PDB file of N, CA and C in Angstrom:
ATOM      1  N   MET A   1     -12.401 -12.304   5.005  1.00  0.00           N
ATOM      2  CA  MET A   1     -12.085 -11.637   3.762  1.00  0.00           C
ATOM      3  C   MET A   1     -10.693 -12.092   3.354  1.00  0.00           C
ATOM      4  N   ASP A   2     -10.530 -12.320   2.081  1.00  0.00           N
ATOM      5  CA  ASP A   2      -9.245 -12.800   1.606  1.00  0.00           C
ATOM      6  C   ASP A   2      -8.943 -12.168   0.250  1.00  0.00           C
ATOM      7  N   ASP A   3      -7.681 -11.818   0.072  1.00  0.00           N
ATOM      8  CA  ASP A   3      -7.184 -11.358  -1.224  1.00  0.00           C
ATOM      9  C   ASP A   3      -7.955 -10.182  -1.795  1.00  0.00           C
ATOM     10  N   VAL A   4      -7.860  -9.071  -1.100  1.00  0.00           N
ATOM     11  CA  VAL A   4      -8.505  -7.849  -1.555  1.00  0.00           C
ATOM     12  C   VAL A   4      -7.430  -6.821  -1.875  1.00  0.00           C
ATOM     13  N   ALA A   5      -7.556  -6.185  -3.006  1.00  0.00           N
ATOM     14  CA  ALA A   5      -6.679  -5.070  -3.357  1.00  0.00           C
ATOM     15  C   ALA A   5      -7.563  -3.836  -3.472  1.00  0.00           C
ATOM     16  N   ILE A   6      -7.171  -2.787  -2.796  1.00  0.00           N
ATOM     17  CA  ILE A   6      -7.927  -1.538  -2.845  1.00  0.00           C
ATOM     18  C   ILE A   6      -7.068  -0.522  -3.594  1.00  0.00           C
ATOM     19  N   SER A   7      -7.530  -0.094  -4.736  1.00  0.00           N
ATOM     20  CA  SER A   7      -6.795   0.892  -5.529  1.00  0.00           C
ATOM     21  C   SER A   7      -7.269   2.284  -5.152  1.00  0.00           C
ATOM     22  N   LEU A   8      -6.326   3.170  -4.944  1.00  0.00           N
ATOM     23  CA  LEU A   8      -6.628   4.542  -4.560  1.00  0.00           C
ATOM     24  C   LEU A   8      -5.925   5.495  -5.520  1.00  0.00           C
ATOM     25  N   ALA A   9      -6.526   6.638  -5.755  1.00  0.00           N
ATOM     26  CA  ALA A   9      -5.912   7.671  -6.591  1.00  0.00           C
ATOM     27  C   ALA A   9      -6.164   9.025  -5.957  1.00  0.00           C
ATOM     28  N   THR A  10      -5.184   9.902  -6.080  1.00  0.00           N
ATOM     29  CA  THR A  10      -5.299  11.255  -5.555  1.00  0.00           C
ATOM     30  C   THR A  10      -4.904  12.259  -6.628  1.00  0.00           C
ATOM     31  N   ILE A  11      -5.264  13.498  -6.410  1.00  0.00           N
ATOM     32  CA  ILE A  11      -4.896  14.579  -7.325  1.00  0.00           C
ATOM     33  C   ILE A  11      -3.404  14.894  -7.184  1.00  0.00           C
ATOM     34  N   SER A  12      -2.901  14.854  -5.957  1.00  0.00           N
ATOM     35  CA  SER A  12      -1.499  15.190  -5.714  1.00  0.00           C
ATOM     36  C   SER A  12      -0.831  14.081  -4.924  1.00  0.00           C
ATOM     37  N   ALA A  13       0.454  13.903  -5.142  1.00  0.00           N
ATOM     38  CA  ALA A  13       1.216  12.853  -4.457  1.00  0.00           C
ATOM     39  C   ALA A  13       1.155  13.017  -2.943  1.00  0.00           C
ATOM     40  N   THR A  14       1.103  14.248  -2.455  1.00  0.00           N
ATOM     41  CA  THR A  14       1.099  14.481  -1.008  1.00  0.00           C
ATOM     42  C   THR A  14      -0.182  14.008  -0.331  1.00  0.00           C
ATOM     43  N   GLN A  15      -1.220  13.752  -1.093  1.00  0.00           N
ATOM     44  CA  GLN A  15      -2.483  13.277  -0.529  1.00  0.00           C
ATOM     45  C   GLN A  15      -2.532  11.757  -0.363  1.00  0.00           C
ATOM     46  N   MET A  16      -1.571  11.032  -0.956  1.00  0.00           N
ATOM     47  CA  MET A  16      -1.649   9.574  -0.987  1.00  0.00           C
ATOM     48  C   MET A  16      -1.533   8.933   0.394  1.00  0.00           C
ATOM     49  N   VAL A  17      -0.522   9.262   1.173  1.00  0.00           N
ATOM     50  CA  VAL A  17      -0.352   8.631   2.487  1.00  0.00           C
ATOM     51  C   VAL A  17      -1.537   8.947   3.410  1.00  0.00           C
ATOM     52  N   PRO A  18      -2.001  10.200   3.504  1.00  0.00           N
ATOM     53  CA  PRO A  18      -3.194  10.442   4.327  1.00  0.00           C
ATOM     54  C   PRO A  18      -4.419   9.658   3.854  1.00  0.00           C
ATOM     55  N   LEU A  19      -4.591   9.485   2.545  1.00  0.00           N
ATOM     56  CA  LEU A  19      -5.712   8.699   2.041  1.00  0.00           C
ATOM     57  C   LEU A  19      -5.560   7.229   2.442  1.00  0.00           C
ATOM     58  N   ILE A  20      -4.366   6.691   2.327  1.00  0.00           N
ATOM     59  CA  ILE A  20      -4.117   5.307   2.750  1.00  0.00           C
ATOM     60  C   ILE A  20      -4.450   5.152   4.227  1.00  0.00           C
ATOM     61  N   GLN A  21      -4.012   6.100   5.048  1.00  0.00           N
ATOM     62  CA  GLN A  21      -4.299   6.037   6.481  1.00  0.00           C
ATOM     63  C   GLN A  21      -5.804   6.049   6.741  1.00  0.00           C
ATOM     64  N   HIS A  22      -6.524   6.891   6.045  1.00  0.00           N
ATOM     65  CA  HIS A  22      -7.978   6.979   6.202  1.00  0.00           C
ATOM     66  C   HIS A  22      -8.645   5.639   5.838  1.00  0.00           C
ATOM     67  N   VAL A  23      -8.233   5.051   4.741  1.00  0.00           N
ATOM     68  CA  VAL A  23      -8.812   3.784   4.292  1.00  0.00           C
ATOM     69  C   VAL A  23      -8.474   2.660   5.267  1.00  0.00           C
ATOM     70  N   VAL A  24      -7.264   2.638   5.786  1.00  0.00           N
ATOM     71  CA  VAL A  24      -6.880   1.597   6.746  1.00  0.00           C
ATOM     72  C   VAL A  24      -7.739   1.682   8.004  1.00  0.00           C
ATOM     73  N   VAL A  25      -7.992   2.889   8.479  1.00  0.00           N
ATOM     74  CA  VAL A  25      -8.871   3.053   9.646  1.00  0.00           C
ATOM     75  C   VAL A  25     -10.265   2.505   9.327  1.00  0.00           C
ATOM     76  N   ALA A  26     -10.791   2.823   8.160  1.00  0.00           N
ATOM     77  CA  ALA A  26     -12.131   2.346   7.780  1.00  0.00           C
ATOM     78  C   ALA A  26     -12.170   0.820   7.676  1.00  0.00           C
ATOM     79  N   VAL A  27     -11.146   0.225   7.073  1.00  0.00           N
ATOM     80  CA  VAL A  27     -11.095  -1.240   6.950  1.00  0.00           C
ATOM     81  C   VAL A  27     -10.953  -1.879   8.324  1.00  0.00           C
ATOM     82  N   HIS A  28     -10.082  -1.331   9.148  1.00  0.00           N
ATOM     83  CA  HIS A  28      -9.893  -1.852  10.509  1.00  0.00           C
ATOM     84  C   HIS A  28     -11.219  -1.824  11.277  1.00  0.00           C
ATOM     85  N   GLN A  29     -11.931  -0.705  11.204  1.00  0.00           N
ATOM     86  CA  GLN A  29     -13.202  -0.585  11.919  1.00  0.00           C
ATOM     87  C   GLN A  29     -14.248  -1.554  11.362  1.00  0.00           C
ATOM     88  N   ALA A  30     -14.284  -1.735  10.050  1.00  0.00           N
ATOM     89  CA  ALA A  30     -15.231  -2.679   9.442  1.00  0.00           C
ATOM     90  C   ALA A  30     -14.929  -4.107   9.908  1.00  0.00           C
ATOM     91  N   PHE A  31     -13.662  -4.453   9.982  1.00  0.00           N
ATOM     92  CA  PHE A  31     -13.278  -5.785  10.466  1.00  0.00           C
ATOM     93  C   PHE A  31     -13.692  -5.955  11.919  1.00  0.00           C
ATOM     94  N   ARG A  32     -13.328  -4.991  12.772  1.00  0.00           N
ATOM     95  CA  ARG A  32     -13.625  -5.093  14.207  1.00  0.00           C
ATOM     96  C   ARG A  32     -15.127  -5.215  14.468  1.00  0.00           C
ATOM     97  N   THR A  33     -15.929  -4.483  13.696  1.00  0.00           N
ATOM     98  CA  THR A  33     -17.381  -4.542  13.850  1.00  0.00           C
ATOM     99  C   THR A  33     -17.896  -5.966  13.628  1.00  0.00           C
ATOM    100  N   ARG A  34     -17.197  -6.714  12.785  1.00  0.00           N
ATOM    101  CA  ARG A  34     -17.610  -8.078  12.454  1.00  0.00           C
ATOM    102  C   ARG A  34     -16.810  -9.145  13.212  1.00  0.00           C
ATOM    103  N   GLY A  35     -16.035  -8.711  14.203  1.00  0.00           N
ATOM    104  CA  GLY A  35     -15.260  -9.650  15.012  1.00  0.00           C
ATOM    105  C   GLY A  35     -14.020 -10.184  14.320  1.00  0.00           C
ATOM    106  N   LEU A  36     -13.523  -9.476  13.317  1.00  0.00           N
ATOM    107  CA  LEU A  36     -12.350  -9.909  12.559  1.00  0.00           C
ATOM    108  C   LEU A  36     -11.160  -9.002  12.855  1.00  0.00           C
ATOM    109  N   THR A  37      -9.980  -9.466  12.509  1.00  0.00           N
ATOM    110  CA  THR A  37      -8.780  -8.642  12.607  1.00  0.00           C
ATOM    111  C   THR A  37      -8.022  -8.708  11.286  1.00  0.00           C
ATOM    112  N   MET A  38      -7.286  -7.666  10.999  1.00  0.00           N
ATOM    113  CA  MET A  38      -6.455  -7.647   9.800  1.00  0.00           C
ATOM    114  C   MET A  38      -5.203  -8.474  10.062  1.00  0.00           C
ATOM    115  N   ASN A  39      -4.811  -9.284   9.078  1.00  0.00           N
ATOM    116  CA  ASN A  39      -3.588 -10.064   9.182  1.00  0.00           C
ATOM    117  C   ASN A  39      -2.428  -9.186   8.721  1.00  0.00           C
ATOM    118  N   LEU A  40      -1.623  -8.732   9.658  1.00  0.00           N
ATOM    119  CA  LEU A  40      -0.536  -7.804   9.349  1.00  0.00           C
ATOM    120  C   LEU A  40       0.816  -8.503   9.197  1.00  0.00           C
ATOM    121  N   GLU A  41       0.799  -9.815   9.021  1.00  0.00           N
ATOM    122  CA  GLU A  41       2.042 -10.564   8.812  1.00  0.00           C
ATOM    123  C   GLU A  41       2.645 -10.183   7.459  1.00  0.00           C
ATOM    124  N   PRO A  42       3.982 -10.347   7.328  1.00  0.00           N
ATOM    125  CA  PRO A  42       4.624 -10.039   6.035  1.00  0.00           C
ATOM    126  C   PRO A  42       3.978 -10.817   4.892  1.00  0.00           C
ATOM    127  N   GLY A  43       3.716 -10.120   3.800  1.00  0.00           N
ATOM    128  CA  GLY A  43       3.123 -10.734   2.632  1.00  0.00           C
ATOM    129  C   GLY A  43       1.605 -10.847   2.685  1.00  0.00           C
ATOM    130  N   LYS A  44       0.999 -10.461   3.795  1.00  0.00           N
ATOM    131  CA  LYS A  44      -0.457 -10.573   3.927  1.00  0.00           C
ATOM    132  C   LYS A  44      -1.152  -9.232   3.722  1.00  0.00           C
ATOM    133  N   THR A  45      -0.858  -8.259   4.560  1.00  0.00           N
ATOM    134  CA  THR A  45      -1.418  -6.925   4.385  1.00  0.00           C
ATOM    135  C   THR A  45      -0.251  -5.971   4.181  1.00  0.00           C
ATOM    136  N   GLU A  46      -0.111  -5.513   2.962  1.00  0.00           N
ATOM    137  CA  GLU A  46       0.981  -4.605   2.618  1.00  0.00           C
ATOM    138  C   GLU A  46       0.447  -3.514   1.698  1.00  0.00           C
ATOM    139  N   VAL A  47       1.212  -2.468   1.579  1.00  0.00           N
ATOM    140  CA  VAL A  47       0.832  -1.333   0.748  1.00  0.00           C
ATOM    141  C   VAL A  47       1.882  -1.168  -0.345  1.00  0.00           C
ATOM    142  N   VAL A  48       1.423  -1.028  -1.570  1.00  0.00           N
ATOM    143  CA  VAL A  48       2.296  -0.675  -2.691  1.00  0.00           C
ATOM    144  C   VAL A  48       1.892   0.745  -3.080  1.00  0.00           C
ATOM    145  N   VAL A  49       2.832   1.670  -2.959  1.00  0.00           N
ATOM    146  CA  VAL A  49       2.528   3.079  -3.210  1.00  0.00           C
ATOM    147  C   VAL A  49       3.188   3.514  -4.512  1.00  0.00           C
ATOM    148  N   MET A  50       2.374   4.076  -5.413  1.00  0.00           N
ATOM    149  CA  MET A  50       2.869   4.610  -6.685  1.00  0.00           C
ATOM    150  C   MET A  50       2.625   6.109  -6.680  1.00  0.00           C
ATOM    151  N   PHE A  51       3.641   6.876  -6.318  1.00  0.00           N
ATOM    152  CA  PHE A  51       3.505   8.329  -6.325  1.00  0.00           C
ATOM    153  C   PHE A  51       3.645   8.839  -7.750  1.00  0.00           C
ATOM    154  N   ARG A  52       2.759   9.739  -8.153  1.00  0.00           N
ATOM    155  CA  ARG A  52       2.810  10.360  -9.472  1.00  0.00           C
ATOM    156  C   ARG A  52       2.488  11.843  -9.321  1.00  0.00           C
ATOM    157  N   GLY A  53       3.002  12.641 -10.246  1.00  0.00           N
ATOM    158  CA  GLY A  53       2.652  14.053 -10.292  1.00  0.00           C
ATOM    159  C   GLY A  53       3.519  14.924  -9.397  1.00  0.00           C
ATOM    160  N   PRO A  54       3.084  16.184  -9.216  1.00  0.00           N
ATOM    161  CA  PRO A  54       3.846  17.136  -8.413  1.00  0.00           C
ATOM    162  C   PRO A  54       4.035  16.643  -6.976  1.00  0.00           C
ATOM    163  N   GLY A  55       5.232  16.835  -6.451  1.00  0.00           N
ATOM    164  CA  GLY A  55       5.532  16.432  -5.083  1.00  0.00           C
ATOM    165  C   GLY A  55       6.010  14.997  -4.951  1.00  0.00           C
ATOM    166  N   THR A  56       6.098  14.284  -6.069  1.00  0.00           N
ATOM    167  CA  THR A  56       6.470  12.868  -6.051  1.00  0.00           C
ATOM    168  C   THR A  56       7.825  12.629  -5.398  1.00  0.00           C
ATOM    169  N   THR A  57       8.827  13.390  -5.776  1.00  0.00           N
ATOM    170  CA  THR A  57      10.175  13.178  -5.235  1.00  0.00           C
ATOM    171  C   THR A  57      10.200  13.361  -3.725  1.00  0.00           C
ATOM    172  N   GLN A  58       9.578  14.408  -3.232  1.00  0.00           N
ATOM    173  CA  GLN A  58       9.525  14.671  -1.794  1.00  0.00           C
ATOM    174  C   GLN A  58       8.808  13.534  -1.065  1.00  0.00           C
ATOM    175  N   CYS A  59       7.702  13.068  -1.613  1.00  0.00           N
ATOM    176  CA  CYS A  59       6.936  11.984  -0.975  1.00  0.00           C
ATOM    177  C   CYS A  59       7.731  10.688  -0.943  1.00  0.00           C
ATOM    178  N   ARG A  60       8.405  10.358  -2.033  1.00  0.00           N
ATOM    179  CA  ARG A  60       9.229   9.148  -2.066  1.00  0.00           C
ATOM    180  C   ARG A  60      10.356   9.246  -1.054  1.00  0.00           C
ATOM    181  N   THR A  61      10.983  10.414  -0.962  1.00  0.00           N
ATOM    182  CA  THR A  61      12.072  10.603   0.002  1.00  0.00           C
ATOM    183  C   THR A  61      11.571  10.405   1.423  1.00  0.00           C
ATOM    184  N   GLN A  62      10.432  11.008   1.769  1.00  0.00           N
ATOM    185  CA  GLN A  62       9.871  10.876   3.117  1.00  0.00           C
ATOM    186  C   GLN A  62       9.555   9.428   3.468  1.00  0.00           C
ATOM    187  N   LEU A  63       9.022   8.679   2.510  1.00  0.00           N
ATOM    188  CA  LEU A  63       8.586   7.316   2.792  1.00  0.00           C
ATOM    189  C   LEU A  63       9.715   6.299   2.706  1.00  0.00           C
ATOM    190  N   PHE A  64      10.620   6.453   1.737  1.00  0.00           N
ATOM    191  CA  PHE A  64      11.591   5.397   1.464  1.00  0.00           C
ATOM    192  C   PHE A  64      13.018   5.681   1.908  1.00  0.00           C
ATOM    193  N   ASP A  65      13.362   6.913   2.229  1.00  0.00           N
ATOM    194  CA  ASP A  65      14.742   7.230   2.603  1.00  0.00           C
ATOM    195  C   ASP A  65      14.958   6.959   4.087  1.00  0.00           C
ATOM    196  N   ARG A  66      15.119   5.682   4.425  1.00  0.00           N
ATOM    197  CA  ARG A  66      15.310   5.262   5.814  1.00  0.00           C
ATOM    198  C   ARG A  66      16.098   3.971   5.846  1.00  0.00           C
ATOM    199  N   ASP A  67      16.585   3.620   7.021  1.00  0.00           N
ATOM    200  CA  ASP A  67      17.411   2.423   7.173  1.00  0.00           C
ATOM    201  C   ASP A  67      16.590   1.146   7.352  1.00  0.00           C
ATOM    202  N   SER A  68      15.326   1.269   7.669  1.00  0.00           N
ATOM    203  CA  SER A  68      14.473   0.095   7.873  1.00  0.00           C
ATOM    204  C   SER A  68      13.380   0.058   6.808  1.00  0.00           C
ATOM    205  N   GLN A  69      12.644  -1.057   6.781  1.00  0.00           N
ATOM    206  CA  GLN A  69      11.558  -1.177   5.825  1.00  0.00           C
ATOM    207  C   GLN A  69      10.542  -0.068   6.068  1.00  0.00           C
ATOM    208  N   PRO A  70      10.135   0.615   5.012  1.00  0.00           N
ATOM    209  CA  PRO A  70       9.158   1.693   5.197  1.00  0.00           C
ATOM    210  C   PRO A  70       7.815   1.151   5.663  1.00  0.00           C
ATOM    211  N   ARG A  71       7.149   1.946   6.476  1.00  0.00           N
ATOM    212  CA  ARG A  71       5.829   1.602   7.004  1.00  0.00           C
ATOM    213  C   ARG A  71       4.959   2.845   7.018  1.00  0.00           C
ATOM    214  N   ILE A  72       3.679   2.614   6.903  1.00  0.00           N
ATOM    215  CA  ILE A  72       2.695   3.683   7.088  1.00  0.00           C
ATOM    216  C   ILE A  72       1.977   3.353   8.386  1.00  0.00           C
ATOM    217  N   THR A  73       2.040   4.274   9.331  1.00  0.00           N
ATOM    218  CA  THR A  73       1.476   4.039  10.656  1.00  0.00           C
ATOM    219  C   THR A  73       0.143   4.756  10.786  1.00  0.00           C
ATOM    220  N   VAL A  74      -0.803   4.043  11.399  1.00  0.00           N
ATOM    221  CA  VAL A  74      -2.154   4.548  11.564  1.00  0.00           C
ATOM    222  C   VAL A  74      -2.580   4.326  13.013  1.00  0.00           C
ATOM    223  N   ALA A  75      -3.154   5.346  13.632  1.00  0.00           N
ATOM    224  CA  ALA A  75      -3.698   5.201  14.986  1.00  0.00           C
ATOM    225  C   ALA A  75      -5.215   5.132  14.886  1.00  0.00           C
ATOM    226  N   THR A  76      -5.789   4.072  15.467  1.00  0.00           N
ATOM    227  CA  THR A  76      -7.240   3.950  15.548  1.00  0.00           C
ATOM    228  C   THR A  76      -7.637   4.106  17.018  1.00  0.00           C
ATOM    229  N   ASP A  77      -8.909   4.004  17.318  1.00  0.00           N
ATOM    230  CA  ASP A  77      -9.369   4.091  18.703  1.00  0.00           C
ATOM    231  C   ASP A  77      -8.828   2.948  19.554  1.00  0.00           C
ATOM    232  N   THR A  78      -8.526   1.814  18.919  1.00  0.00           N
ATOM    233  CA  THR A  78      -8.144   0.622  19.674  1.00  0.00           C
ATOM    234  C   THR A  78      -6.744   0.103  19.381  1.00  0.00           C
ATOM    235  N   HIS A  79      -6.160   0.493  18.261  1.00  0.00           N
ATOM    236  CA  HIS A  79      -4.876  -0.079  17.845  1.00  0.00           C
ATOM    237  C   HIS A  79      -3.991   0.975  17.183  1.00  0.00           C
ATOM    238  N   ILE A  80      -2.702   0.657  17.168  1.00  0.00           N
ATOM    239  CA  ILE A  80      -1.762   1.369  16.315  1.00  0.00           C
ATOM    240  C   ILE A  80      -1.311   0.355  15.279  1.00  0.00           C
ATOM    241  N   ILE A  81      -1.565   0.659  14.030  1.00  0.00           N
ATOM    242  CA  ILE A  81      -1.291  -0.267  12.934  1.00  0.00           C
ATOM    243  C   ILE A  81      -0.110   0.265  12.134  1.00  0.00           C
ATOM    244  N   ALA A  82       0.874  -0.599  11.909  1.00  0.00           N
ATOM    245  CA  ALA A  82       2.030  -0.240  11.090  1.00  0.00           C
ATOM    246  C   ALA A  82       2.046  -1.152   9.865  1.00  0.00           C
ATOM    247  N   LEU A  83       1.646  -0.613   8.726  1.00  0.00           N
ATOM    248  CA  LEU A  83       1.593  -1.378   7.484  1.00  0.00           C
ATOM    249  C   LEU A  83       2.936  -1.344   6.775  1.00  0.00           C
ATOM    250  N   ARG A  84       3.397  -2.491   6.347  1.00  0.00           N
ATOM    251  CA  ARG A  84       4.624  -2.556   5.557  1.00  0.00           C
ATOM    252  C   ARG A  84       4.357  -1.981   4.171  1.00  0.00           C
ATOM    253  N   VAL A  85       5.340  -1.243   3.660  1.00  0.00           N
ATOM    254  CA  VAL A  85       5.265  -0.732   2.298  1.00  0.00           C
ATOM    255  C   VAL A  85       6.180  -1.622   1.459  1.00  0.00           C
ATOM    256  N   ALA A  86       5.605  -2.284   0.477  1.00  0.00           N
ATOM    257  CA  ALA A  86       6.350  -3.190  -0.396  1.00  0.00           C
ATOM    258  C   ALA A  86       6.563  -2.527  -1.754  1.00  0.00           C
ATOM    259  N   SER A  87       7.626  -2.917  -2.442  1.00  0.00           N
ATOM    260  CA  SER A  87       7.878  -2.343  -3.764  1.00  0.00           C
ATOM    261  C   SER A  87       6.996  -2.988  -4.829  1.00  0.00           C
ATOM    262  N   SER A  88       6.538  -4.223  -4.571  1.00  0.00           N
ATOM    263  CA  SER A  88       5.613  -4.862  -5.500  1.00  0.00           C
ATOM    264  C   SER A  88       4.838  -5.959  -4.785  1.00  0.00           C
ATOM    265  N   TYR A  89       3.737  -6.348  -5.394  1.00  0.00           N
ATOM    266  CA  TYR A  89       2.903  -7.413  -4.860  1.00  0.00           C
ATOM    267  C   TYR A  89       2.325  -8.158  -6.037  1.00  0.00           C
ATOM    268  N   ARG A  90       2.360  -9.479  -5.976  1.00  0.00           N
ATOM    269  CA  ARG A  90       1.819 -10.285  -7.071  1.00  0.00           C
ATOM    270  C   ARG A  90       0.894 -11.345  -6.500  1.00  0.00           C
ATOM    271  N   HIS A  91      -0.263 -11.460  -7.112  1.00  0.00           N
ATOM    272  CA  HIS A  91      -1.218 -12.475  -6.687  1.00  0.00           C
ATOM    273  C   HIS A  91      -2.062 -12.896  -7.879  1.00  0.00           C
ATOM    274  N   LEU A  92      -2.176 -14.186  -8.079  1.00  0.00           N
ATOM    275  CA  LEU A  92      -2.986 -14.751  -9.166  1.00  0.00           C
ATOM    276  C   LEU A  92      -2.658 -14.116 -10.518  1.00  0.00           C
ATOM    277  N   GLY A  93      -1.377 -13.888 -10.767  1.00  0.00           N
ATOM    278  CA  GLY A  93      -0.943 -13.368 -12.058  1.00  0.00           C
ATOM    279  C   GLY A  93      -1.033 -11.875 -12.232  1.00  0.00           C
ATOM    280  N   VAL A  94      -1.511 -11.170 -11.225  1.00  0.00           N
ATOM    281  CA  VAL A  94      -1.606  -9.709 -11.306  1.00  0.00           C
ATOM    282  C   VAL A  94      -0.488  -9.113 -10.478  1.00  0.00           C
ATOM    283  N   ARG A  95       0.220  -8.140 -11.034  1.00  0.00           N
ATOM    284  CA  ARG A  95       1.312  -7.500 -10.314  1.00  0.00           C
ATOM    285  C   ARG A  95       1.020  -6.029 -10.115  1.00  0.00           C
ATOM    286  N   PHE A  96       1.214  -5.598  -8.876  1.00  0.00           N
ATOM    287  CA  PHE A  96       1.166  -4.185  -8.522  1.00  0.00           C
ATOM    288  C   PHE A  96       2.599  -3.810  -8.167  1.00  0.00           C
ATOM    289  N   ALA A  97       3.106  -2.750  -8.741  1.00  0.00           N
ATOM    290  CA  ALA A  97       4.478  -2.343  -8.446  1.00  0.00           C
ATOM    291  C   ALA A  97       4.569  -0.831  -8.413  1.00  0.00           C
ATOM    292  N   MET A  98       5.414  -0.329  -7.493  1.00  0.00           N
ATOM    293  CA  MET A  98       5.509   1.117  -7.332  1.00  0.00           C
ATOM    294  C   MET A  98       6.111   1.809  -8.542  1.00  0.00           C
ATOM    295  N   ASN A  99       6.825   1.089  -9.395  1.00  0.00           N
ATOM    296  CA  ASN A  99       7.453   1.725 -10.549  1.00  0.00           C
ATOM    297  C   ASN A  99       6.956   1.154 -11.868  1.00  0.00           C
ATOM    298  N   LEU A 100       5.806   0.509 -11.865  1.00  0.00           N
ATOM    299  CA  LEU A 100       5.270  -0.129 -13.065  1.00  0.00           C
ATOM    300  C   LEU A 100       4.400   0.849 -13.838  1.00  0.00           C
ATOM    301  N   ASP A 101       4.624   0.940 -15.124  1.00  0.00           N
ATOM    302  CA  ASP A 101       3.807   1.783 -15.980  1.00  0.00           C
ATOM    303  C   ASP A 101       2.866   0.916 -16.796  1.00  0.00           C
ATOM    304  N   ILE A 102       1.737   1.471 -17.184  1.00  0.00           N
ATOM    305  CA  ILE A 102       0.730   0.745 -17.968  1.00  0.00           C
ATOM    306  C   ILE A 102       1.340   0.155 -19.233  1.00  0.00           C
ATOM    307  N   GLY A 103       2.217   0.871 -19.889  1.00  0.00           N
ATOM    308  CA  GLY A 103       2.779   0.419 -21.155  1.00  0.00           C
ATOM    309  C   GLY A 103       3.913  -0.567 -21.021  1.00  0.00           C
ATOM    310  N   GLU A 104       4.306  -0.912 -19.828  1.00  0.00           N
ATOM    311  CA  GLU A 104       5.439  -1.808 -19.638  1.00  0.00           C
ATOM    312  C   GLU A 104       5.111  -3.204 -20.133  1.00  0.00           C
ATOM    313  N   SER A 105       6.059  -3.823 -20.799  1.00  0.00           N
ATOM    314  CA  SER A 105       5.846  -5.139 -21.385  1.00  0.00           C
ATOM    315  C   SER A 105       5.890  -6.223 -20.304  1.00  0.00           C
ATOM    316  N   TRP A 106       4.904  -7.102 -20.314  1.00  0.00           N
ATOM    317  CA  TRP A 106       4.862  -8.216 -19.369  1.00  0.00           C
ATOM    318  C   TRP A 106       5.750  -9.354 -19.842  1.00  0.00           C
ATOM    319  N   SER A 107       6.127  -9.363 -21.135  1.00  0.00           N
ATOM    320  CA  SER A 107       6.911 -10.471 -21.666  1.00  0.00           C
ATOM    321  C   SER A 107       8.324 -10.496 -21.107  1.00  0.00           C
ATOM    322  N   SER A 108       8.762  -9.436 -20.425  1.00  0.00           N
ATOM    323  CA  SER A 108      10.103  -9.406 -19.850  1.00  0.00           C
ATOM    324  C   SER A 108      10.215 -10.246 -18.594  1.00  0.00           C
ATOM    325  N   GLU A 109       9.072 -10.716 -18.042  1.00  0.00           N
ATOM    326  CA  GLU A 109       9.103 -11.542 -16.846  1.00  0.00           C
ATOM    327  C   GLU A 109       9.475 -12.965 -17.214  1.00  0.00           C
ATOM    328  N   PRO A 110      10.317 -13.614 -16.381  1.00  0.00           N
ATOM    329  CA  PRO A 110      10.651 -15.015 -16.648  1.00  0.00           C
ATOM    330  C   PRO A 110       9.386 -15.870 -16.633  1.00  0.00           C
ATOM    331  N   GLY A 111       9.301 -16.782 -17.593  1.00  0.00           N
ATOM    332  CA  GLY A 111       8.165 -17.691 -17.652  1.00  0.00           C
ATOM    333  C   GLY A 111       6.926 -17.099 -18.298  1.00  0.00           C
ATOM    334  N   ARG A 112       7.029 -15.926 -18.846  1.00  0.00           N
ATOM    335  CA  ARG A 112       5.859 -15.282 -19.470  1.00  0.00           C
ATOM    336  C   ARG A 112       6.020 -15.249 -20.962  1.00  0.00           C
TER     337      ARG A 112
END
């Protein structure tokens, strides 16, 4: 499997990290069943988190207020997975960013 983005949405900001953890366990198990492993190298498997709604400030503080790169850690039956949290990800002209709004102009990017 290559170049997959999984978009998730929750009712409340506090549900986002647990949902990400649940999905990572499911993806990990699907890979293992087929004899595959997730590539956890920098720039390969990363999470871009966009908190919105009530509880957003608290969630951002918990995830990003640290001295090292933020990670979301997941325990499976066979592994402990620590996913890097990135502020943005771009692939094939599509950008995912934690602070990007739908109405934001793309023309502000160099070369666009």
